[in-house]
Protein backbone atom coordinates (compact mmCIF):
# COMPACT_ATOMS: atom_id res chain seq x y z
CA MET A 1 0.00 0.00 0.00
CA LYS A 2 1.25 3.47 -0.79
CA HIS A 3 1.28 5.72 2.23
CA LYS A 4 1.80 9.45 2.23
CA MET A 5 5.47 10.27 2.58
CA ILE A 6 6.76 13.67 3.64
CA LEU A 7 10.21 14.54 2.35
CA HIS A 8 11.90 17.06 4.64
CA MET A 9 14.42 19.25 2.86
CA ARG A 10 16.53 22.16 4.10
CA ASP A 11 13.92 24.83 3.41
CA SER A 12 10.71 23.00 2.55
CA GLN A 13 8.67 19.80 2.67
CA VAL A 14 7.10 17.81 -0.15
CA GLY A 15 4.35 15.21 0.22
CA PHE A 16 3.90 12.24 -2.11
CA ARG A 17 2.60 8.66 -2.08
CA ALA A 18 5.00 5.72 -2.25
CA PRO A 19 5.74 2.47 -0.44
CA ILE A 20 8.37 3.16 2.23
CA ARG A 21 10.25 -0.05 1.34
CA GLU A 22 10.75 1.18 -2.21
CA VAL A 23 11.88 4.64 -1.13
CA ALA A 24 14.41 3.09 1.29
CA LYS A 25 15.94 1.15 -1.62
CA MET A 26 16.44 4.26 -3.77
CA SER A 27 19.84 5.11 -2.31
CA PRO A 28 22.52 3.36 -0.24
CA ASP A 29 22.59 6.59 1.81
CA PHE A 30 19.05 6.00 3.05
CA TYR A 31 18.78 4.34 6.46
CA ARG A 32 15.39 3.08 7.58
CA ARG A 33 15.68 3.61 11.30
CA HIS A 34 12.02 2.82 12.03
CA LYS A 35 9.08 1.43 10.10
CA SER A 36 7.95 5.02 9.54
CA PHE A 37 11.22 6.92 9.08
CA ILE A 38 14.05 7.01 6.55
CA ILE A 39 17.16 9.08 7.21
CA ASN A 40 19.58 10.26 4.53
CA ILE A 41 22.93 9.66 6.26
CA LYS A 42 24.59 12.35 4.14
CA ASN A 43 22.39 14.95 5.85
CA ILE A 44 23.17 13.99 9.45
CA LYS A 45 24.73 16.82 11.42
CA ARG A 46 25.35 14.79 14.58
CA VAL A 47 24.25 11.73 16.53
CA ASP A 48 23.46 12.37 20.19
CA LYS A 49 23.81 8.94 21.80
CA SER A 50 22.91 10.08 25.32
CA ASN A 51 19.57 11.56 24.22
CA GLU A 52 18.99 8.98 21.45
CA VAL A 53 18.50 11.65 18.79
CA VAL A 54 19.87 12.28 15.31
CA GLU A 55 20.17 15.95 14.39
CA MET A 56 19.79 16.59 10.68
CA SER A 57 21.51 19.35 8.68
CA ASN A 58 18.20 21.25 8.44
CA GLY A 59 17.99 21.41 12.25
CA GLU A 60 15.30 18.76 12.68
CA CYS A 61 15.85 16.09 15.33
CA VAL A 62 14.77 12.49 14.81
CA PRO A 63 14.57 9.99 17.68
CA ILE A 64 16.52 6.76 17.25
CA ALA A 65 16.52 3.59 19.34
CA VAL A 66 19.69 2.76 21.27
CA GLY A 67 19.99 -0.53 19.37
CA LYS A 68 20.01 1.28 16.01
CA ILE A 69 22.72 3.84 16.87
CA SER A 70 25.71 1.52 16.35
CA GLU A 71 24.32 0.33 13.00
CA LEU A 72 23.83 3.93 11.89
CA LEU A 73 27.34 4.96 12.97
CA LYS A 74 28.80 2.05 10.96
CA MET A 75 26.92 3.22 7.87
CA MET A 76 28.20 6.75 8.36
CA GLY A 77 31.76 5.43 8.31
């Protein structure tokens, strides 16, 4: 089923319908950190392990589970 996706960019947001599994496969830089969220690892500003939050380059903060942090850090290199 195609759910509404919201793409957050630096200065705007765009809504569209697509299966999240397919969007996650579009780039090796996409990390599906939750069944409802995909993070572009190239746009991560910092990972705050103590507060379990990823801060994106546009200033938005996305929660991340403790168990997913090490996997994300490996992807980031």
